[in-house]
Each structure stands twice: as structure tokens, then as C-alpha cells.
């Protein structure tokens, strides 16, 4: 299992950040109990644009529930 960097909640969405085999990328897993999403981000993006990433996650999950 990959080493966990951070876990937190964005409203109902649980976000788990883990390391990947690439030292410059992180794996992001999002789950609100209904929808699950995962993607990778560059370490730089995670460190310096985390707020923007979180807003995109929040907006994507709101859009899914509005369908």
C-alpha cells in the first residue's frame, strides 16, 4: 500500500493523498459514499495549488449530484 501523505474532508467528500512510484507525483482519491474519483497531481501542484485543486474537487462533486 502506498504511503499516505494526508487525508481530509471537503464537506462530504473524503480526500486521500498518497505517494506514487514517481517521486514527483501524488495520487488523489476522492469519495463521497456515492461517487469515487481518482487522479494524479504533480507534487508542485499539490504543494502550491492545493486550494485550487480542492475547489475543483468540490465543484465536480456538486455537479455530479445536480445531474
N, C-alpha and C. Protein backbone atom coordinates (compact mmCIF):
# COMPACT_ATOMS: atom_id res chain seq x y z
N UNK A 1 0.84 -1.18 0.00
CA UNK A 1 0.00 0.00 0.00
C UNK A 1 0.88 1.24 0.00
N UNK A 2 0.49 2.23 -0.77
CA UNK A 2 1.26 3.46 -0.89
C UNK A 2 1.23 4.26 0.42
N UNK A 3 2.30 4.99 0.64
CA UNK A 3 2.39 5.81 1.85
C UNK A 3 1.43 6.99 1.77
N UNK A 4 0.63 7.12 2.81
CA UNK A 4 -0.35 8.20 2.85
C UNK A 4 0.32 9.51 3.25
N UNK A 5 0.03 10.56 2.50
CA UNK A 5 0.56 11.89 2.77
C UNK A 5 -0.40 12.66 3.66
N UNK A 6 -1.70 12.61 3.29
CA UNK A 6 -2.70 13.39 4.00
C UNK A 6 -4.08 12.82 3.72
N UNK A 7 -4.99 12.98 4.66
CA UNK A 7 -6.40 12.65 4.47
C UNK A 7 -7.22 13.75 5.13
N UNK A 8 -8.29 14.16 4.44
CA UNK A 8 -9.13 15.22 4.98
C UNK A 8 -10.49 15.18 4.31
N UNK A 9 -11.43 15.96 4.84
CA UNK A 9 -12.78 16.03 4.31
C UNK A 9 -13.02 17.39 3.66
N UNK A 10 -13.69 17.37 2.52
CA UNK A 10 -14.20 18.57 1.86
C UNK A 10 -15.72 18.44 1.86
N UNK A 11 -16.35 18.90 2.90
CA UNK A 11 -17.79 18.66 3.05
C UNK A 11 -17.98 17.16 3.24
N UNK A 12 -18.75 16.53 2.34
CA UNK A 12 -18.99 15.09 2.42
C UNK A 12 -17.92 14.27 1.70
N UNK A 13 -17.04 14.92 0.98
CA UNK A 13 -16.03 14.22 0.18
C UNK A 13 -14.79 13.96 1.01
N UNK A 14 -14.40 12.69 1.09
CA UNK A 14 -13.17 12.32 1.78
C UNK A 14 -12.05 12.28 0.74
N UNK A 15 -10.96 12.97 1.02
CA UNK A 15 -9.83 13.07 0.10
C UNK A 15 -8.62 12.39 0.74
N UNK A 16 -7.99 11.49 0.00
CA UNK A 16 -6.80 10.78 0.48
C UNK A 16 -5.67 11.03 -0.52
N UNK A 17 -4.56 11.55 -0.02
CA UNK A 17 -3.39 11.82 -0.85
C UNK A 17 -2.32 10.80 -0.49
N UNK A 18 -1.81 10.08 -1.51
CA UNK A 18 -0.76 9.09 -1.28
C UNK A 18 0.38 9.29 -2.28
N UNK A 19 1.52 8.75 -1.93
CA UNK A 19 2.67 8.79 -2.83
C UNK A 19 2.48 7.80 -3.97
N UNK A 20 3.17 8.04 -5.08
CA UNK A 20 3.18 7.11 -6.21
C UNK A 20 4.61 6.63 -6.42
N UNK A 21 4.81 5.79 -7.42
CA UNK A 21 6.16 5.33 -7.75
C UNK A 21 7.03 6.48 -8.26
N UNK A 22 6.38 7.48 -8.83
CA UNK A 22 7.09 8.67 -9.32
C UNK A 22 7.24 9.65 -8.16
N UNK A 23 8.45 9.99 -7.76
CA UNK A 23 8.64 10.87 -6.61
C UNK A 23 8.11 12.29 -6.82
N UNK A 24 7.76 12.64 -8.05
CA UNK A 24 7.24 13.98 -8.32
C UNK A 24 5.73 14.03 -8.50
N UNK A 25 5.04 12.90 -8.22
CA UNK A 25 3.58 12.85 -8.38
C UNK A 25 2.93 12.23 -7.16
N UNK A 26 1.70 12.69 -6.89
CA UNK A 26 0.87 12.14 -5.82
C UNK A 26 -0.42 11.61 -6.42
N UNK A 27 -0.98 10.62 -5.78
CA UNK A 27 -2.27 10.04 -6.16
C UNK A 27 -3.34 10.66 -5.26
N UNK A 28 -4.43 11.13 -5.85
CA UNK A 28 -5.52 11.75 -5.11
C UNK A 28 -6.76 10.88 -5.30
N UNK A 29 -7.35 10.43 -4.19
CA UNK A 29 -8.58 9.63 -4.24
C UNK A 29 -9.67 10.40 -3.51
N UNK A 30 -10.82 10.54 -4.16
CA UNK A 30 -11.94 11.27 -3.60
C UNK A 30 -13.16 10.34 -3.56
N UNK A 31 -13.91 10.39 -2.46
CA UNK A 31 -15.07 9.52 -2.32
C UNK A 31 -16.08 10.19 -1.39
N UNK A 32 -17.32 10.29 -1.85
CA UNK A 32 -18.37 10.86 -1.00
C UNK A 32 -19.40 9.81 -0.58
N UNK A 33 -19.09 8.55 -0.80
CA UNK A 33 -20.01 7.47 -0.45
C UNK A 33 -20.87 7.05 -1.63
N UNK A 34 -21.01 7.92 -2.62
CA UNK A 34 -21.78 7.60 -3.83
C UNK A 34 -20.85 7.57 -5.03
N UNK A 35 -20.10 8.63 -5.21
CA UNK A 35 -19.17 8.75 -6.34
C UNK A 35 -17.73 8.63 -5.85
N UNK A 36 -16.92 8.01 -6.68
CA UNK A 36 -15.49 7.85 -6.37
C UNK A 36 -14.70 8.36 -7.57
N UNK A 37 -13.64 9.09 -7.29
CA UNK A 37 -12.79 9.63 -8.35
C UNK A 37 -11.34 9.54 -7.90
N UNK A 38 -10.46 9.34 -8.85
CA UNK A 38 -9.04 9.34 -8.53
C UNK A 38 -8.25 9.91 -9.70
N UNK A 39 -7.16 10.56 -9.36
CA UNK A 39 -6.30 11.18 -10.36
C UNK A 39 -4.93 11.41 -9.73
N UNK A 40 -3.96 11.80 -10.54
CA UNK A 40 -2.64 12.13 -10.02
C UNK A 40 -2.38 13.62 -10.25
N UNK A 41 -1.56 14.17 -9.37
CA UNK A 41 -1.14 15.57 -9.49
C UNK A 41 0.37 15.61 -9.27
N UNK A 42 0.97 16.62 -9.85
CA UNK A 42 2.39 16.82 -9.59
C UNK A 42 2.56 17.31 -8.16
N UNK A 43 3.63 16.93 -7.54
CA UNK A 43 3.93 17.33 -6.17
C UNK A 43 3.89 18.86 -6.06
N UNK A 44 4.43 19.55 -7.04
CA UNK A 44 4.45 21.02 -7.05
C UNK A 44 3.02 21.57 -7.03
N UNK A 45 2.15 20.99 -7.87
CA UNK A 45 0.75 21.45 -7.92
C UNK A 45 0.07 21.25 -6.57
N UNK A 46 0.31 20.10 -5.97
CA UNK A 46 -0.31 19.82 -4.67
C UNK A 46 0.18 20.81 -3.62
N UNK A 47 1.45 21.09 -3.58
CA UNK A 47 2.01 21.98 -2.57
C UNK A 47 1.56 23.42 -2.75
N UNK A 48 1.50 23.90 -3.98
CA UNK A 48 1.27 25.31 -4.22
C UNK A 48 -0.13 25.66 -4.73
N UNK A 49 -0.87 24.65 -5.21
CA UNK A 49 -2.20 24.91 -5.75
C UNK A 49 -3.26 24.03 -5.10
N UNK A 50 -3.02 23.62 -3.87
CA UNK A 50 -3.95 22.72 -3.17
C UNK A 50 -5.34 23.35 -3.04
N UNK A 51 -5.40 24.63 -2.74
CA UNK A 51 -6.69 25.30 -2.59
C UNK A 51 -7.48 25.23 -3.89
N UNK A 52 -6.81 25.47 -5.02
CA UNK A 52 -7.46 25.39 -6.33
C UNK A 52 -7.92 23.96 -6.61
N UNK A 53 -7.09 22.99 -6.31
CA UNK A 53 -7.43 21.58 -6.51
C UNK A 53 -8.68 21.23 -5.69
N UNK A 54 -8.72 21.67 -4.44
CA UNK A 54 -9.86 21.38 -3.57
C UNK A 54 -11.14 22.01 -4.12
N UNK A 55 -11.05 23.20 -4.65
CA UNK A 55 -12.23 23.86 -5.22
C UNK A 55 -12.73 23.08 -6.44
N UNK A 56 -11.82 22.59 -7.28
CA UNK A 56 -12.21 21.81 -8.44
C UNK A 56 -12.88 20.50 -8.02
N UNK A 57 -12.36 19.85 -6.97
CA UNK A 57 -12.97 18.61 -6.47
C UNK A 57 -14.38 18.91 -5.97
N UNK A 58 -14.52 19.93 -5.17
CA UNK A 58 -15.81 20.30 -4.60
C UNK A 58 -16.83 20.60 -5.70
N UNK A 59 -16.42 21.38 -6.70
CA UNK A 59 -17.32 21.72 -7.81
C UNK A 59 -17.72 20.49 -8.62
N UNK A 60 -16.78 19.58 -8.85
CA UNK A 60 -17.07 18.37 -9.62
C UNK A 60 -18.09 17.50 -8.90
N UNK A 61 -17.96 17.35 -7.59
CA UNK A 61 -18.91 16.53 -6.83
C UNK A 61 -20.28 17.20 -6.75
N UNK A 62 -20.32 18.51 -6.63
CA UNK A 62 -21.60 19.22 -6.64
C UNK A 62 -22.29 19.02 -7.98
N UNK A 63 -21.54 19.09 -9.07
CA UNK A 63 -22.10 18.90 -10.40
C UNK A 63 -22.65 17.49 -10.57
N UNK A 64 -21.96 16.49 -10.04
CA UNK A 64 -22.43 15.10 -10.13
C UNK A 64 -23.77 14.94 -9.42
N UNK A 65 -23.92 15.55 -8.27
CA UNK A 65 -25.16 15.40 -7.50
C UNK A 65 -26.30 16.22 -8.07
N UNK A 66 -26.01 17.20 -8.90
CA UNK A 66 -27.06 18.02 -9.51
C UNK A 66 -27.62 17.40 -10.79
N UNK A 67 -26.97 16.35 -11.31
CA UNK A 67 -27.44 15.69 -12.54
C UNK A 67 -28.80 15.09 -12.34
